[in-house]
Amino acid sequence: MSAVHENEARRRQRLRYQIRLKAHGRPRLSVFRSGKHIYAQVIDDTAGRTLAAASSLDAGLRAALKTGADKQAAAAVGKLVAERAKEAGVTQVVFDRGAYMYHGRVKALAEAARESGLDF
């Protein structure tokens, strides 16, 4: 494993540990981004299951988006995952940005989820 991947893995573990400490039983809004798409899941870690999920690959979003790799797509995914989480009865989550810095697409997704009613 290269040094870059080792640092990313350590950062991800460190962040996930801190999230577990501060979660107090709340579900986790986890974000994954690739070069072409962005994905978000609301995960209940105590039960080990996904409560809601959305991505830029969803049929409804894909037709409306120019590309899955920009801030507009991230905001649409954030709004959609927040709506699906509220349908599942989840209003409070802990934000898990993974190893990604809080800017750009990750920030756009988080802000859209907040505006759509998720509390974190």
N, C-alpha and C. Protein backbone atom coordinates (compact mmCIF):
# COMPACT_ATOMS: atom_id res chain seq x y z
N MET A 1 0.85 -1.17 0.00
CA MET A 1 0.00 0.00 0.00
C MET A 1 0.89 1.23 0.00
N SER A 2 0.56 2.21 -0.81
CA SER A 2 1.39 3.40 -0.89
C SER A 2 1.16 4.29 0.32
N ALA A 3 2.05 5.24 0.49
CA ALA A 3 1.97 6.14 1.65
C ALA A 3 0.69 6.98 1.61
N VAL A 4 0.25 7.37 0.43
CA VAL A 4 -0.97 8.17 0.31
C VAL A 4 -2.17 7.36 0.78
N HIS A 5 -2.26 6.11 0.37
CA HIS A 5 -3.39 5.27 0.77
C HIS A 5 -3.34 4.96 2.27
N GLU A 6 -2.14 4.79 2.82
CA GLU A 6 -2.01 4.53 4.25
C GLU A 6 -2.48 5.74 5.05
N ASN A 7 -2.11 6.93 4.61
CA ASN A 7 -2.54 8.15 5.30
C ASN A 7 -4.06 8.31 5.22
N GLU A 8 -4.62 8.03 4.06
CA GLU A 8 -6.07 8.12 3.89
C GLU A 8 -6.79 7.11 4.78
N ALA A 9 -6.26 5.91 4.86
CA ALA A 9 -6.87 4.87 5.71
C ALA A 9 -6.79 5.27 7.18
N ARG A 10 -5.66 5.82 7.60
CA ARG A 10 -5.53 6.28 8.99
C ARG A 10 -6.49 7.42 9.30
N ARG A 11 -6.62 8.34 8.36
CA ARG A 11 -7.52 9.47 8.55
C ARG A 11 -8.96 8.99 8.64
N ARG A 12 -9.33 8.02 7.80
CA ARG A 12 -10.68 7.46 7.82
C ARG A 12 -10.96 6.76 9.15
N GLN A 13 -10.00 5.99 9.65
CA GLN A 13 -10.17 5.30 10.93
C GLN A 13 -10.28 6.29 12.08
N ARG A 14 -9.46 7.31 12.06
CA ARG A 14 -9.48 8.32 13.11
C ARG A 14 -10.82 9.05 13.14
N LEU A 15 -11.32 9.41 11.98
CA LEU A 15 -12.59 10.11 11.89
C LEU A 15 -13.74 9.20 12.31
N ARG A 16 -13.75 7.96 11.86
CA ARG A 16 -14.81 7.02 12.21
C ARG A 16 -14.86 6.77 13.71
N TYR A 17 -13.67 6.70 14.37
CA TYR A 17 -13.61 6.53 15.81
C TYR A 17 -14.25 7.72 16.52
N GLN A 18 -13.91 8.92 16.10
CA GLN A 18 -14.48 10.12 16.71
C GLN A 18 -15.99 10.18 16.50
N ILE A 19 -16.46 9.76 15.35
CA ILE A 19 -17.90 9.75 15.07
C ILE A 19 -18.61 8.79 16.01
N ARG A 20 -18.04 7.62 16.23
CA ARG A 20 -18.65 6.65 17.15
C ARG A 20 -18.75 7.21 18.57
N LEU A 21 -17.74 7.95 19.00
CA LEU A 21 -17.76 8.54 20.33
C LEU A 21 -18.85 9.59 20.48
N LYS A 22 -19.06 10.37 19.45
CA LYS A 22 -19.98 11.50 19.52
C LYS A 22 -21.38 11.19 19.01
N ALA A 23 -21.61 10.02 18.45
CA ALA A 23 -22.89 9.72 17.81
C ALA A 23 -24.03 9.59 18.81
N HIS A 24 -23.80 9.00 19.96
CA HIS A 24 -24.84 8.80 20.97
C HIS A 24 -26.05 8.08 20.39
N GLY A 25 -25.80 7.08 19.56
CA GLY A 25 -26.88 6.26 19.02
C GLY A 25 -27.55 6.81 17.78
N ARG A 26 -27.12 7.96 17.29
CA ARG A 26 -27.73 8.52 16.08
C ARG A 26 -27.18 7.81 14.84
N PRO A 27 -27.98 7.71 13.79
CA PRO A 27 -27.48 7.13 12.54
C PRO A 27 -26.40 8.02 11.92
N ARG A 28 -25.64 7.44 11.02
CA ARG A 28 -24.51 8.11 10.40
C ARG A 28 -24.82 8.38 8.94
N LEU A 29 -24.63 9.63 8.49
CA LEU A 29 -24.75 9.99 7.08
C LEU A 29 -23.36 9.88 6.47
N SER A 30 -23.13 8.81 5.73
CA SER A 30 -21.82 8.51 5.16
C SER A 30 -21.76 8.93 3.70
N VAL A 31 -20.66 9.54 3.31
CA VAL A 31 -20.48 10.05 1.94
C VAL A 31 -19.32 9.32 1.27
N PHE A 32 -19.52 8.93 0.02
CA PHE A 32 -18.44 8.40 -0.81
C PHE A 32 -18.49 9.12 -2.13
N ARG A 33 -17.34 9.56 -2.59
CA ARG A 33 -17.30 10.21 -3.90
C ARG A 33 -16.23 9.54 -4.75
N SER A 34 -16.56 9.39 -6.01
CA SER A 34 -15.59 8.88 -6.97
C SER A 34 -15.33 10.00 -7.97
N GLY A 35 -14.58 9.71 -8.97
CA GLY A 35 -14.30 10.72 -9.98
C GLY A 35 -15.52 11.08 -10.81
N LYS A 36 -16.48 10.16 -10.91
CA LYS A 36 -17.64 10.38 -11.78
C LYS A 36 -18.97 10.52 -11.04
N HIS A 37 -19.05 10.08 -9.78
CA HIS A 37 -20.33 10.07 -9.07
C HIS A 37 -20.13 10.35 -7.59
N ILE A 38 -21.26 10.56 -6.89
CA ILE A 38 -21.25 10.75 -5.45
C ILE A 38 -22.39 9.94 -4.85
N TYR A 39 -22.14 9.36 -3.69
CA TYR A 39 -23.09 8.46 -3.04
C TYR A 39 -23.24 8.87 -1.59
N ALA A 40 -24.43 8.67 -1.02
CA ALA A 40 -24.67 8.96 0.39
C ALA A 40 -25.59 7.89 0.98
N GLN A 41 -25.31 7.50 2.22
CA GLN A 41 -26.12 6.51 2.92
C GLN A 41 -26.35 6.98 4.35
N VAL A 42 -27.54 6.70 4.87
CA VAL A 42 -27.82 6.88 6.29
C VAL A 42 -27.78 5.49 6.89
N ILE A 43 -26.83 5.27 7.79
CA ILE A 43 -26.54 3.93 8.32
C ILE A 43 -26.80 3.89 9.82
N ASP A 44 -27.54 2.88 10.26
CA ASP A 44 -27.73 2.62 11.68
C ASP A 44 -26.65 1.63 12.10
N ASP A 45 -25.62 2.11 12.79
CA ASP A 45 -24.49 1.26 13.15
C ASP A 45 -24.83 0.24 14.22
N THR A 46 -25.80 0.55 15.09
CA THR A 46 -26.16 -0.41 16.14
C THR A 46 -26.85 -1.63 15.55
N ALA A 47 -27.72 -1.44 14.54
CA ALA A 47 -28.41 -2.55 13.89
C ALA A 47 -27.62 -3.09 12.70
N GLY A 48 -26.67 -2.29 12.20
CA GLY A 48 -25.86 -2.72 11.07
C GLY A 48 -26.62 -2.74 9.75
N ARG A 49 -27.50 -1.74 9.54
CA ARG A 49 -28.25 -1.72 8.29
C ARG A 49 -28.36 -0.30 7.75
N THR A 50 -28.59 -0.20 6.45
CA THR A 50 -28.76 1.07 5.79
C THR A 50 -30.22 1.48 5.84
N LEU A 51 -30.48 2.69 6.31
CA LEU A 51 -31.85 3.19 6.44
C LEU A 51 -32.30 3.94 5.20
N ALA A 52 -31.38 4.66 4.55
CA ALA A 52 -31.70 5.41 3.34
C ALA A 52 -30.42 5.57 2.53
N ALA A 53 -30.58 5.65 1.23
CA ALA A 53 -29.42 5.82 0.35
C ALA A 53 -29.81 6.59 -0.89
N ALA A 54 -28.85 7.28 -1.46
CA ALA A 54 -29.05 8.00 -2.72
C ALA A 54 -27.70 8.15 -3.41
N SER A 55 -27.75 8.28 -4.71
CA SER A 55 -26.51 8.51 -5.46
C SER A 55 -26.83 9.25 -6.74
N SER A 56 -25.78 9.73 -7.38
CA SER A 56 -25.97 10.43 -8.65
C SER A 56 -26.31 9.45 -9.77
N LEU A 57 -26.34 8.17 -9.47
CA LEU A 57 -26.73 7.15 -10.45
C LEU A 57 -28.22 6.85 -10.42
N ASP A 58 -28.96 7.38 -9.43
CA ASP A 58 -30.41 7.14 -9.35
C ASP A 58 -31.08 7.63 -10.63
N ALA A 59 -32.06 6.86 -11.09
CA ALA A 59 -32.69 7.13 -12.38
C ALA A 59 -33.28 8.54 -12.46
N GLY A 60 -33.96 8.98 -11.43
CA GLY A 60 -34.58 10.30 -11.44
C GLY A 60 -33.56 11.43 -11.50
N LEU A 61 -32.46 11.26 -10.82
CA LEU A 61 -31.42 12.30 -10.81
C LEU A 61 -30.58 12.27 -12.07
N ARG A 62 -30.29 11.09 -12.53
CA ARG A 62 -29.37 10.95 -13.66
C ARG A 62 -29.87 11.68 -14.90
N ALA A 63 -31.19 11.63 -15.11
CA ALA A 63 -31.76 12.30 -16.28
C ALA A 63 -31.68 13.82 -16.13
N ALA A 64 -31.78 14.32 -14.90
CA ALA A 64 -31.81 15.76 -14.67
C ALA A 64 -30.42 16.39 -14.57
N LEU A 65 -29.39 15.58 -14.35
CA LEU A 65 -28.06 16.10 -14.13
C LEU A 65 -27.21 16.06 -15.39
N LYS A 66 -26.37 17.06 -15.54
CA LYS A 66 -25.42 17.10 -16.65
C LYS A 66 -24.33 16.05 -16.45
N THR A 67 -23.83 15.97 -15.21
CA THR A 67 -22.81 15.00 -14.84
C THR A 67 -22.99 14.64 -13.37
N GLY A 68 -22.47 13.52 -12.97
CA GLY A 68 -22.59 13.10 -11.58
C GLY A 68 -21.44 13.57 -10.72
N ALA A 69 -20.54 14.35 -11.30
CA ALA A 69 -19.30 14.71 -10.59
C ALA A 69 -19.15 16.22 -10.38
N ASP A 70 -20.25 16.91 -10.08
CA ASP A 70 -20.14 18.34 -9.79
C ASP A 70 -20.96 18.69 -8.55
N LYS A 71 -20.87 19.94 -8.13
CA LYS A 71 -21.57 20.36 -6.92
C LYS A 71 -23.08 20.28 -7.07
N GLN A 72 -23.58 20.54 -8.27
CA GLN A 72 -25.02 20.46 -8.51
C GLN A 72 -25.52 19.04 -8.27
N ALA A 73 -24.79 18.05 -8.74
CA ALA A 73 -25.16 16.66 -8.52
C ALA A 73 -25.09 16.31 -7.04
N ALA A 74 -24.06 16.78 -6.35
CA ALA A 74 -23.91 16.50 -4.93
C ALA A 74 -25.07 17.10 -4.13
N ALA A 75 -25.48 18.31 -4.49
CA ALA A 75 -26.60 18.95 -3.80
C ALA A 75 -27.89 18.17 -4.04
N ALA A 76 -28.09 17.69 -5.25
CA ALA A 76 -29.29 16.91 -5.56
C ALA A 76 -29.30 15.60 -4.77
N VAL A 77 -28.15 14.96 -4.64
CA VAL A 77 -28.04 13.72 -3.87
C VAL A 77 -28.29 14.00 -2.39
N GLY A 78 -27.76 15.10 -1.87
CA GLY A 78 -27.99 15.48 -0.48
C GLY A 78 -29.46 15.70 -0.19
N LYS A 79 -30.14 16.38 -1.09
CA LYS A 79 -31.57 16.63 -0.91
C LYS A 79 -32.35 15.32 -0.95
N LEU A 80 -32.01 14.44 -1.88
CA LEU A 80 -32.72 13.17 -2.03
C LEU A 80 -32.49 12.25 -0.83
N VAL A 81 -31.27 12.17 -0.33
CA VAL A 81 -31.00 11.30 0.81
C VAL A 81 -31.69 11.84 2.06
N ALA A 82 -31.80 13.16 2.19
CA ALA A 82 -32.50 13.74 3.33
C ALA A 82 -33.99 13.41 3.28
N GLU A 83 -34.57 13.50 2.09
CA GLU A 83 -35.99 13.17 1.94
C GLU A 83 -36.24 11.70 2.26
N ARG A 84 -35.37 10.83 1.78
CA ARG A 84 -35.53 9.39 2.05
C ARG A 84 -35.30 9.06 3.52
N ALA A 85 -34.40 9.77 4.16
CA ALA A 85 -34.16 9.55 5.59
C ALA A 85 -35.37 9.99 6.40
N LYS A 86 -35.97 11.12 6.04
CA LYS A 86 -37.15 11.58 6.76
C LYS A 86 -38.31 10.60 6.57
N GLU A 87 -38.43 10.00 5.38
CA GLU A 87 -39.45 8.98 5.15
C GLU A 87 -39.22 7.76 6.04
N ALA A 88 -37.96 7.47 6.34
CA ALA A 88 -37.61 6.34 7.20
C ALA A 88 -37.69 6.71 8.69
N GLY A 89 -38.04 7.97 8.98
CA GLY A 89 -38.20 8.39 10.36
C GLY A 89 -36.93 8.91 11.01
N VAL A 90 -35.95 9.28 10.23
CA VAL A 90 -34.67 9.77 10.75
C VAL A 90 -34.59 11.27 10.51
N THR A 91 -34.37 12.03 11.58
CA THR A 91 -34.19 13.48 11.43
C THR A 91 -32.83 13.94 11.93
N GLN A 92 -32.23 13.20 12.86
CA GLN A 92 -30.91 13.56 13.39
C GLN A 92 -29.88 12.52 13.00
N VAL A 93 -28.78 12.97 12.44
CA VAL A 93 -27.70 12.08 12.01
C VAL A 93 -26.36 12.66 12.45
N VAL A 94 -25.33 11.87 12.29
CA VAL A 94 -23.95 12.32 12.46
C VAL A 94 -23.31 12.27 11.08
N PHE A 95 -22.65 13.35 10.67
CA PHE A 95 -22.08 13.41 9.33
C PHE A 95 -20.72 12.72 9.29
N ASP A 96 -20.57 11.77 8.37
CA ASP A 96 -19.32 11.03 8.18
C ASP A 96 -18.79 11.35 6.79
N ARG A 97 -17.79 12.21 6.73
CA ARG A 97 -17.23 12.63 5.44
C ARG A 97 -16.18 11.66 4.93
N GLY A 98 -15.91 10.62 5.70
CA GLY A 98 -14.88 9.67 5.30
C GLY A 98 -13.52 10.32 5.34
N ALA A 99 -12.70 10.05 4.37
CA ALA A 99 -11.36 10.64 4.32
C ALA A 99 -11.34 11.92 3.50
N TYR A 100 -12.52 12.40 3.11
CA TYR A 100 -12.59 13.57 2.23
C TYR A 100 -12.64 14.85 3.04
N MET A 101 -11.99 15.88 2.53
CA MET A 101 -12.03 17.18 3.18
C MET A 101 -13.42 17.78 3.01
N TYR A 102 -13.82 18.60 3.96
CA TYR A 102 -15.15 19.21 3.93
C TYR A 102 -15.12 20.46 3.05
N HIS A 103 -15.17 20.25 1.75
CA HIS A 103 -15.28 21.34 0.78
C HIS A 103 -15.75 20.76 -0.54
N GLY A 104 -16.12 21.60 -1.46
CA GLY A 104 -16.54 21.14 -2.78
C GLY A 104 -17.79 20.30 -2.74
N ARG A 105 -17.73 19.13 -3.36
CA ARG A 105 -18.91 18.26 -3.48
C ARG A 105 -19.40 17.74 -2.14
N VAL A 106 -18.49 17.42 -1.23
CA VAL A 106 -18.88 16.91 0.09
C VAL A 106 -19.64 17.99 0.86
N LYS A 107 -19.15 19.21 0.81
CA LYS A 107 -19.81 20.32 1.49
C LYS A 107 -21.17 20.62 0.86
N ALA A 108 -21.26 20.58 -0.46
CA ALA A 108 -22.53 20.83 -1.15
C ALA A 108 -23.57 19.79 -0.75
N LEU A 109 -23.17 18.53 -0.66
CA LEU A 109 -24.08 17.47 -0.24
C LEU A 109 -24.57 17.71 1.19
N ALA A 110 -23.66 18.05 2.09
CA ALA A 110 -24.01 18.27 3.49
C ALA A 110 -24.97 19.45 3.64
N GLU A 111 -24.68 20.55 2.97
CA GLU A 111 -25.54 21.72 3.08
C GLU A 111 -26.93 21.47 2.51
N ALA A 112 -27.02 20.73 1.42
CA ALA A 112 -28.32 20.41 0.83
C ALA A 112 -29.12 19.49 1.76
N ALA A 113 -28.45 18.56 2.41
CA ALA A 113 -29.13 17.67 3.35
C ALA A 113 -29.65 18.46 4.55
N ARG A 114 -28.86 19.42 5.03
CA ARG A 114 -29.31 20.27 6.14
C ARG A 114 -30.52 21.10 5.74
N GLU A 115 -30.47 21.69 4.56
CA GLU A 115 -31.58 22.53 4.08
C GLU A 115 -32.85 21.70 3.89
N SER A 116 -32.70 20.42 3.61
CA SER A 116 -33.84 19.56 3.38
C SER A 116 -34.39 18.93 4.66
N GLY A 117 -33.80 19.27 5.81
CA GLY A 117 -34.39 18.84 7.06
C GLY A 117 -33.58 17.91 7.93
N LEU A 118 -32.42 17.44 7.50
CA LEU A 118 -31.60 16.62 8.38
C LEU A 118 -30.86 17.50 9.37
N ASP A 119 -30.78 17.06 10.60
CA ASP A 119 -30.13 17.83 11.65
C ASP A 119 -28.79 17.18 11.99
N PHE A 120 -27.70 17.89 11.74
CA PHE A 120 -26.36 17.44 12.14
C PHE A 120 -25.43 18.62 12.24
